[in-house]
Each structure stands twice: as structure tokens, then as C-alpha cells.
């Protein structure tokens, strides 16, 4: 589904929660450096690798993985539909 850019608007966290209803998630690709800055981890991640962050529709982090397949697998295990973000 393509949305005309003239129709786009910012969506609040509350609106995303209602939209996702605990059933929708997205995967965000980050560098390990970005992930270390954004997420409080006990150990820092190695430099120079991609990290795949699975998030609920409202932005709540669900999982960090080192592969897209693992992030998709986590979404499937949690019975989540992964939305494509552009």
C-alpha cells in the first residue's frame, strides 16, 4: 500500500499502540555503534556490525539480533505481523 506523501502525518505513540494492538511490529537496522548508544546493554556490541532491532508498533524494543532471519523468527514466534517501513 502506497500512501501519498501529502497524506502523511506524524503518528503519536498512543495511536501506534492502538494501531498495532500488540500484533504489529517492525524491524529496524542499526549499526552496532547506534545500538550501543540507544539500548542499555550489559556488554557493548562489537564495532562494525549490523544489528536488527525488532520493535512493537509503539516503538517498544522486543529483541536485538545479528541477523534479519533471527528478528523475523522472533516476530513469528511472538505471532506478530511485521510491517514494512519506508
N, C-alpha and C. Protein backbone atom coordinates (compact mmCIF):
# COMPACT_ATOMS: atom_id res chain seq x y z
N UNK A 1 0.85 -1.17 0.00
CA UNK A 1 0.00 0.00 0.00
C UNK A 1 0.89 1.23 0.00
N UNK A 2 0.67 2.11 -0.92
CA UNK A 2 1.45 3.33 -1.00
C UNK A 2 0.60 4.49 -0.52
N UNK A 3 1.20 5.31 0.32
CA UNK A 3 0.50 6.48 0.85
C UNK A 3 1.11 7.70 0.22
N UNK A 4 0.29 8.54 -0.37
CA UNK A 4 0.77 9.78 -0.96
C UNK A 4 1.42 10.62 0.13
N UNK A 5 2.58 11.19 -0.13
CA UNK A 5 3.29 11.95 0.89
C UNK A 5 2.47 13.13 1.39
N UNK A 6 1.57 13.65 0.59
CA UNK A 6 0.72 14.76 1.04
C UNK A 6 -0.23 14.30 2.13
N UNK A 7 -0.52 13.00 2.22
CA UNK A 7 -1.43 12.48 3.22
C UNK A 7 -0.72 12.05 4.50
N UNK A 8 0.58 11.97 4.48
CA UNK A 8 1.33 11.51 5.66
C UNK A 8 1.28 12.56 6.76
N UNK A 9 1.29 12.06 7.99
CA UNK A 9 1.37 12.94 9.15
C UNK A 9 2.07 12.17 10.26
N UNK A 10 2.50 12.87 11.28
CA UNK A 10 3.11 12.21 12.42
C UNK A 10 2.05 11.44 13.18
N UNK A 11 2.44 10.26 13.65
CA UNK A 11 1.54 9.43 14.44
C UNK A 11 2.09 9.36 15.85
N UNK A 12 1.23 9.58 16.82
CA UNK A 12 1.67 9.56 18.22
C UNK A 12 1.88 8.12 18.69
N UNK A 13 2.59 7.98 19.78
CA UNK A 13 2.82 6.65 20.37
C UNK A 13 1.50 5.99 20.74
N UNK A 14 0.57 6.77 21.28
CA UNK A 14 -0.74 6.21 21.64
C UNK A 14 -1.47 5.68 20.41
N UNK A 15 -1.40 6.42 19.29
CA UNK A 15 -2.04 5.97 18.06
C UNK A 15 -1.39 4.69 17.55
N UNK A 16 -0.06 4.60 17.64
CA UNK A 16 0.63 3.38 17.22
C UNK A 16 0.23 2.19 18.08
N UNK A 17 0.09 2.41 19.40
CA UNK A 17 -0.33 1.32 20.29
C UNK A 17 -1.70 0.80 19.87
N UNK A 18 -2.62 1.70 19.60
CA UNK A 18 -3.96 1.27 19.20
C UNK A 18 -3.92 0.60 17.83
N UNK A 19 -3.09 1.12 16.93
CA UNK A 19 -2.98 0.56 15.59
C UNK A 19 -2.41 -0.85 15.64
N UNK A 20 -1.32 -1.01 16.39
CA UNK A 20 -0.64 -2.31 16.44
C UNK A 20 -1.35 -3.31 17.31
N UNK A 21 -1.94 -2.85 18.39
CA UNK A 21 -2.69 -3.74 19.28
C UNK A 21 -1.90 -4.95 19.74
N UNK A 22 -0.57 -4.83 19.83
CA UNK A 22 0.25 -5.96 20.24
C UNK A 22 0.41 -7.02 19.17
N UNK A 23 0.01 -6.69 17.94
CA UNK A 23 0.06 -7.67 16.86
C UNK A 23 0.99 -7.25 15.72
N UNK A 24 1.40 -5.99 15.71
CA UNK A 24 2.21 -5.46 14.62
C UNK A 24 3.58 -5.04 15.15
N UNK A 25 4.61 -5.33 14.36
CA UNK A 25 5.97 -4.97 14.74
C UNK A 25 6.72 -4.50 13.51
N UNK A 26 7.90 -3.94 13.74
CA UNK A 26 8.78 -3.57 12.62
C UNK A 26 10.21 -3.89 13.00
N UNK A 27 11.05 -4.03 11.99
CA UNK A 27 12.46 -4.33 12.21
C UNK A 27 13.27 -3.14 11.72
N UNK A 28 14.15 -2.67 12.57
CA UNK A 28 15.00 -1.53 12.25
C UNK A 28 16.45 -2.00 12.21
N UNK A 29 17.16 -1.64 11.14
CA UNK A 29 18.58 -1.99 11.03
C UNK A 29 19.42 -0.87 11.61
N UNK A 30 20.35 -1.23 12.48
CA UNK A 30 21.22 -0.26 13.14
C UNK A 30 22.67 -0.73 13.04
N UNK A 31 23.58 0.20 13.10
CA UNK A 31 24.98 -0.20 13.28
C UNK A 31 25.15 -0.59 14.75
N UNK A 32 26.16 -1.35 15.04
CA UNK A 32 26.40 -1.74 16.44
C UNK A 32 26.67 -0.50 17.30
N UNK A 33 27.28 0.52 16.70
CA UNK A 33 27.55 1.75 17.44
C UNK A 33 26.24 2.45 17.81
N UNK A 34 25.29 2.50 16.86
CA UNK A 34 23.98 3.10 17.15
C UNK A 34 23.25 2.30 18.23
N UNK A 35 23.29 0.98 18.11
CA UNK A 35 22.61 0.12 19.09
C UNK A 35 23.20 0.31 20.48
N UNK A 36 24.52 0.43 20.58
CA UNK A 36 25.16 0.65 21.88
C UNK A 36 24.72 1.97 22.49
N UNK A 37 24.47 2.99 21.67
CA UNK A 37 24.03 4.29 22.17
C UNK A 37 22.57 4.28 22.58
N UNK A 38 21.73 3.59 21.81
CA UNK A 38 20.28 3.63 22.03
C UNK A 38 19.82 2.69 23.14
N UNK A 39 20.39 1.49 23.17
CA UNK A 39 19.91 0.47 24.09
C UNK A 39 20.92 0.22 25.20
N UNK A 40 20.45 0.28 26.44
CA UNK A 40 21.36 -0.03 27.56
C UNK A 40 21.63 -1.53 27.62
N UNK A 41 22.85 -1.91 27.29
CA UNK A 41 23.24 -3.32 27.30
C UNK A 41 24.31 -3.55 28.36
N UNK A 42 24.32 -4.74 28.91
CA UNK A 42 25.35 -5.08 29.88
C UNK A 42 26.73 -5.09 29.23
N UNK A 43 26.81 -5.63 28.04
CA UNK A 43 28.06 -5.68 27.28
C UNK A 43 27.87 -4.86 26.02
N UNK A 44 28.93 -4.18 25.61
CA UNK A 44 28.83 -3.45 24.35
C UNK A 44 28.97 -4.42 23.19
N UNK A 45 28.35 -4.08 22.09
CA UNK A 45 28.40 -4.91 20.89
C UNK A 45 29.70 -4.65 20.15
N UNK A 46 30.20 -5.62 19.40
CA UNK A 46 31.41 -5.40 18.61
C UNK A 46 31.17 -4.29 17.58
N UNK A 47 32.20 -3.53 17.29
CA UNK A 47 32.08 -2.44 16.32
C UNK A 47 31.98 -2.99 14.89
N UNK A 48 31.26 -2.22 14.05
CA UNK A 48 31.24 -2.51 12.62
C UNK A 48 30.29 -3.59 12.15
N UNK A 49 29.32 -3.98 12.98
CA UNK A 49 28.36 -4.98 12.53
C UNK A 49 26.97 -4.37 12.49
N UNK A 50 26.08 -4.97 11.70
CA UNK A 50 24.68 -4.55 11.68
C UNK A 50 23.91 -5.29 12.76
N UNK A 51 22.98 -4.58 13.37
CA UNK A 51 22.10 -5.13 14.39
C UNK A 51 20.68 -4.95 13.89
N UNK A 52 19.84 -5.93 14.13
CA UNK A 52 18.44 -5.87 13.71
C UNK A 52 17.59 -5.80 14.97
N UNK A 53 16.87 -4.69 15.12
CA UNK A 53 16.06 -4.46 16.30
C UNK A 53 14.59 -4.69 15.96
N UNK A 54 13.96 -5.62 16.65
CA UNK A 54 12.54 -5.88 16.49
C UNK A 54 11.81 -5.00 17.50
N UNK A 55 10.87 -4.19 17.00
CA UNK A 55 10.11 -3.28 17.85
C UNK A 55 8.62 -3.52 17.69
N UNK A 56 7.87 -3.34 18.79
CA UNK A 56 6.42 -3.31 18.70
C UNK A 56 6.02 -2.06 17.93
N UNK A 57 4.78 -2.00 17.48
CA UNK A 57 4.31 -0.85 16.69
C UNK A 57 4.50 0.47 17.42
N UNK A 58 4.44 0.44 18.76
CA UNK A 58 4.60 1.68 19.52
C UNK A 58 6.06 2.04 19.77
N UNK A 59 7.00 1.24 19.24
CA UNK A 59 8.42 1.52 19.39
C UNK A 59 9.11 0.78 20.52
N UNK A 60 8.36 0.04 21.31
CA UNK A 60 8.95 -0.72 22.41
C UNK A 60 9.88 -1.79 21.85
N UNK A 61 11.15 -1.81 22.31
CA UNK A 61 12.08 -2.84 21.82
C UNK A 61 11.64 -4.23 22.31
N UNK A 62 11.71 -5.19 21.40
CA UNK A 62 11.38 -6.57 21.73
C UNK A 62 12.63 -7.43 21.74
N UNK A 63 13.48 -7.26 20.71
CA UNK A 63 14.68 -8.08 20.61
C UNK A 63 15.73 -7.39 19.75
N UNK A 64 17.00 -7.66 20.06
CA UNK A 64 18.14 -7.25 19.24
C UNK A 64 18.81 -8.51 18.76
N UNK A 65 19.09 -8.59 17.46
CA UNK A 65 19.73 -9.77 16.91
C UNK A 65 20.81 -9.36 15.92
N UNK A 66 21.59 -10.33 15.48
CA UNK A 66 22.64 -10.05 14.50
C UNK A 66 22.25 -10.48 13.10
N UNK A 67 20.96 -10.91 12.92
CA UNK A 67 20.52 -11.28 11.58
C UNK A 67 19.05 -10.94 11.39
N UNK A 68 18.71 -10.62 10.15
CA UNK A 68 17.31 -10.34 9.82
C UNK A 68 16.46 -11.58 10.04
N UNK A 69 17.01 -12.76 9.72
CA UNK A 69 16.26 -14.00 9.88
C UNK A 69 15.89 -14.24 11.35
N UNK A 70 16.81 -13.95 12.26
CA UNK A 70 16.52 -14.13 13.68
C UNK A 70 15.44 -13.15 14.15
N UNK A 71 15.49 -11.91 13.65
CA UNK A 71 14.46 -10.92 14.02
C UNK A 71 13.10 -11.36 13.49
N UNK A 72 13.06 -11.84 12.24
CA UNK A 72 11.80 -12.33 11.68
C UNK A 72 11.30 -13.56 12.44
N UNK A 73 12.23 -14.44 12.81
CA UNK A 73 11.87 -15.63 13.59
C UNK A 73 11.26 -15.26 14.93
N UNK A 74 11.82 -14.26 15.58
CA UNK A 74 11.27 -13.79 16.86
C UNK A 74 9.87 -13.25 16.67
N UNK A 75 9.66 -12.48 15.59
CA UNK A 75 8.33 -11.94 15.31
C UNK A 75 7.33 -13.07 15.09
N UNK A 76 7.73 -14.08 14.33
CA UNK A 76 6.84 -15.22 14.07
C UNK A 76 6.54 -15.96 15.37
N UNK A 77 7.57 -16.18 16.19
CA UNK A 77 7.36 -16.86 17.48
C UNK A 77 6.39 -16.09 18.37
N UNK A 78 6.44 -14.76 18.29
CA UNK A 78 5.56 -13.91 19.09
C UNK A 78 4.23 -13.63 18.40
N UNK A 79 4.01 -14.28 17.24
CA UNK A 79 2.78 -14.13 16.47
C UNK A 79 2.52 -12.68 16.09
N UNK A 80 3.58 -12.00 15.64
CA UNK A 80 3.49 -10.60 15.22
C UNK A 80 3.54 -10.49 13.71
N UNK A 81 2.85 -9.53 13.16
CA UNK A 81 2.92 -9.21 11.74
C UNK A 81 3.96 -8.12 11.61
N UNK A 82 4.93 -8.32 10.71
CA UNK A 82 5.99 -7.33 10.52
C UNK A 82 5.56 -6.37 9.43
N UNK A 83 5.46 -5.10 9.80
CA UNK A 83 5.08 -4.05 8.85
C UNK A 83 6.34 -3.52 8.17
N UNK A 84 6.21 -3.19 6.90
CA UNK A 84 7.32 -2.61 6.15
C UNK A 84 7.31 -1.11 6.35
N UNK A 85 8.47 -0.56 6.72
CA UNK A 85 8.61 0.89 6.89
C UNK A 85 9.48 1.43 5.78
N UNK A 86 9.11 2.57 5.24
CA UNK A 86 9.89 3.18 4.17
C UNK A 86 10.27 4.58 4.55
